C-alpha atoms as a PDB file:
ATOM      1  CA  MET A   1     -12.063  -2.577 -25.256  1.00  0.00           C
ATOM      2  CA  SER A   2      -9.663  -0.254 -27.043  1.00  0.00           C
ATOM      3  CA  ASP A   3      -6.148   0.501 -25.825  1.00  0.00           C
ATOM      4  CA  GLU A   4      -7.195   4.077 -25.088  1.00  0.00           C
ATOM      5  CA  SER A   5     -10.115   3.108 -22.843  1.00  0.00           C
ATOM      6  CA  ARG A   6      -8.029   0.388 -21.176  1.00  0.00           C
ATOM      7  CA  LYS A   7      -5.371   2.967 -20.346  1.00  0.00           C
ATOM      8  CA  GLU A   8      -8.001   5.399 -19.045  1.00  0.00           C
ATOM      9  CA  ARG A   9      -9.459   2.661 -16.854  1.00  0.00           C
ATOM     10  CA  GLU A  10      -5.997   1.897 -15.446  1.00  0.00           C
ATOM     11  CA  ILE A  11      -5.439   5.593 -14.697  1.00  0.00           C
ATOM     12  CA  LEU A  12      -8.793   5.851 -12.921  1.00  0.00           C
ATOM     13  CA  MET A  13      -8.039   2.734 -10.874  1.00  0.00           C
ATOM     14  CA  VAL A  14      -4.652   4.109  -9.758  1.00  0.00           C
ATOM     15  CA  MET A  15      -6.194   7.496  -8.913  1.00  0.00           C
ATOM     16  CA  ARG A  16      -8.891   5.787  -6.811  1.00  0.00           C
ATOM     17  CA  LYS A  17      -6.294   3.689  -4.963  1.00  0.00           C
ATOM     18  CA  VAL A  18      -4.042   6.684  -4.284  1.00  0.00           C
ATOM     19  CA  LEU A  19      -6.948   8.780  -2.985  1.00  0.00           C
ATOM     20  CA  ALA A  20      -8.087   5.907  -0.763  1.00  0.00           C
ATOM     21  CA  GLN A  21      -4.558   5.512   0.610  1.00  0.00           C
ATOM     22  CA  ILE A  22      -4.356   9.249   1.354  1.00  0.00           C
ATOM     23  CA  VAL A  23      -7.655   9.017   3.235  1.00  0.00           C
ATOM     24  CA  LYS A  24      -6.393   6.000   5.217  1.00  0.00           C
ATOM     25  CA  ASP A  25      -3.067   7.650   6.038  1.00  0.00           C
ATOM     26  CA  THR A  26      -4.599  10.932   7.186  1.00  0.00           C
ATOM     27  CA  THR A  27      -7.571   9.542   9.125  1.00  0.00           C
ATOM     28  CA  PRO A  28      -6.963   9.914  12.881  1.00  0.00           C
ATOM     29  CA  GLU A  29      -6.804   6.747  14.940  1.00  0.00           C
ATOM     30  CA  PHE A  30      -9.483   7.954  17.335  1.00  0.00           C
ATOM     31  CA  LYS A  31     -12.683   9.849  16.520  1.00  0.00           C
ATOM     32  CA  THR A  32     -11.922  12.346  19.261  1.00  0.00           C
ATOM     33  CA  MET A  33      -8.833  13.556  17.365  1.00  0.00           C
ATOM     34  CA  LYS A  34      -9.120  16.405  14.861  1.00  0.00           C
ATOM     35  CA  HIS A  35      -8.824  15.372  11.224  1.00  0.00           C
ATOM     36  CA  PRO A  36      -5.791  16.962   9.532  1.00  0.00           C
ATOM     37  CA  LEU A  37      -7.736  17.640   6.328  1.00  0.00           C
ATOM     38  CA  SER A  38     -10.182  20.518   6.147  1.00  0.00           C
ATOM     39  CA  PRO A  39     -13.892  19.793   5.591  1.00  0.00           C
ATOM     40  CA  ASP A  40     -13.610  21.374   2.120  1.00  0.00           C
ATOM     41  CA  THR A  41     -10.752  19.038   1.197  1.00  0.00           C
ATOM     42  CA  ILE A  42     -12.705  16.026   2.466  1.00  0.00           C
ATOM     43  CA  GLU A  43     -15.687  17.082   0.349  1.00  0.00           C
ATOM     44  CA  ASP A  44     -13.427  17.517  -2.700  1.00  0.00           C
ATOM     45  CA  ILE A  45     -12.039  13.987  -2.205  1.00  0.00           C
ATOM     46  CA  LYS A  46     -15.598  12.626  -2.048  1.00  0.00           C
ATOM     47  CA  GLN A  47     -16.426  14.421  -5.297  1.00  0.00           C
ATOM     48  CA  CYS A  48     -13.289  12.961  -6.902  1.00  0.00           C
ATOM     49  CA  PHE A  49     -14.391   9.459  -5.899  1.00  0.00           C
ATOM     50  CA  SER A  50     -17.827  10.142  -7.392  1.00  0.00           C
ATOM     51  CA  LEU A  51     -16.356  11.397 -10.665  1.00  0.00           C
ATOM     52  CA  ILE A  52     -13.999   8.419 -10.913  1.00  0.00           C
ATOM     53  CA  ALA A  53     -16.855   5.978 -10.277  1.00  0.00           C
ATOM     54  CA  ALA A  54     -19.083   7.698 -12.845  1.00  0.00           C
ATOM     55  CA  ARG A  55     -16.380   7.587 -15.517  1.00  0.00           C
ATOM     56  CA  GLU A  56     -15.578   3.944 -14.756  1.00  0.00           C
ATOM     57  CA  ARG A  57     -19.290   3.173 -15.148  1.00  0.00           C
ATOM     58  CA  GLU A  58     -19.375   5.028 -18.499  1.00  0.00           C
ATOM     59  CA  LEU A  59     -16.358   3.080 -19.760  1.00  0.00           C
ATOM     60  CA  ALA A  60     -17.877  -0.222 -18.636  1.00  0.00           C
ATOM     61  CA  ASP A  61     -21.187   0.603 -20.334  1.00  0.00           C
ATOM     62  CA  ALA A  62     -19.399   1.582 -23.554  1.00  0.00           C
ATOM     63  CA  ALA A  63     -17.457  -1.697 -23.485  1.00  0.00           C
ATOM     64  CA  GLY A  64     -20.645  -3.657 -22.824  1.00  0.00           C
ATOM     65  CA  ALA A  65     -19.264  -5.060 -19.579  1.00  0.00           C
ATOM     66  CA  ALA A  66     -21.607  -6.285 -16.884  1.00  0.00           C
ATOM     67  CA  GLN A  67     -22.047  -3.858 -14.009  1.00  0.00           C
ATOM     68  CA  GLU A  68     -19.597  -4.720 -11.268  1.00  0.00           C
ATOM     69  CA  ARG A  69     -20.543  -4.311  -7.665  1.00  0.00           C
ATOM     70  CA  PRO A  70     -18.858  -5.374  -4.445  1.00  0.00           C
ATOM     71  CA  TYR A  71     -20.178  -8.306  -2.456  1.00  0.00           C
ATOM     72  CA  TYR A  72     -19.522  -9.817   0.958  1.00  0.00           C
ATOM     73  CA  ALA A  73     -18.213 -13.350   1.401  1.00  0.00           C
ATOM     74  CA  ASP A  74     -21.100 -14.248   3.728  1.00  0.00           C
ATOM     75  CA  GLU A  75     -23.708 -12.721   1.405  1.00  0.00           C
ATOM     76  CA  PRO A  76     -26.209 -15.342   0.195  1.00  0.00           C
ATOM     77  CA  ALA A  77     -25.636 -16.438  -3.383  1.00  0.00           C
ATOM     78  CA  ALA A  78     -28.044 -15.237  -6.065  1.00  0.00           C
ATOM     79  CA  ALA A  79     -28.380 -18.781  -7.405  1.00  0.00           C
ATOM     80  CA  GLU A  80     -28.389 -22.138  -5.681  1.00  0.00           C
ATOM     81  CA  VAL A  81     -26.415 -25.026  -7.127  1.00  0.00           C
ATOM     82  CA  VAL A  82     -28.475 -28.204  -7.297  1.00  0.00           C
ATOM     83  CA  PRO A  83     -26.604 -31.486  -7.794  1.00  0.00           C
ATOM     84  CA  LEU A  84     -27.801 -33.325 -10.898  1.00  0.00           C
ATOM     85  CA  HIS A  85     -28.240 -36.614  -9.041  1.00  0.00           C
ATOM     86  CA  LYS A  86     -31.029 -34.988  -6.975  1.00  0.00           C
ATOM     87  CA  VAL A  87     -32.969 -33.682  -9.968  1.00  0.00           C
ATOM     88  CA  GLY A  88     -36.128 -35.635 -10.715  1.00  0.00           C
ATOM     89  CA  LYS A  89     -36.091 -37.865  -7.614  1.00  0.00           C
ATOM     90  CA  VAL A  90     -39.374 -38.080  -5.758  1.00  0.00           C
ATOM     91  CA  LYS A  91     -39.320 -38.764  -2.038  1.00  0.00           C
ATOM     92  CA  LYS A  92     -41.504 -41.621  -0.858  1.00  0.00           C
ATOM     93  CA  ASP A  93     -43.739 -41.136   2.164  1.00  0.00           C
ATOM     94  CA  ASP A  94     -42.418 -44.222   4.024  1.00  0.00           C
ATOM     95  CA  GLU A  95     -38.727 -43.151   3.809  1.00  0.00           C
END
């Protein structure tokens, strides 16, 4: 990854974090409260997030990086680890 694309990726990451923090700070505590941002501004923020994600994906593809995606801690693993001492053992019927 070149210094230029690394710097661009850092800028995109900071922009995403700042936008997310603005959304957190301005979101009302209760759903019954009116949001301080206008619907147009909210839509613009969503479009900014989409553009940032698309550019990050382009940079990752150009660098040949594997596609990153979030995961949950309780999400089942894609692969199961099998201990080597269990490989090849055959269970007997009388055990």
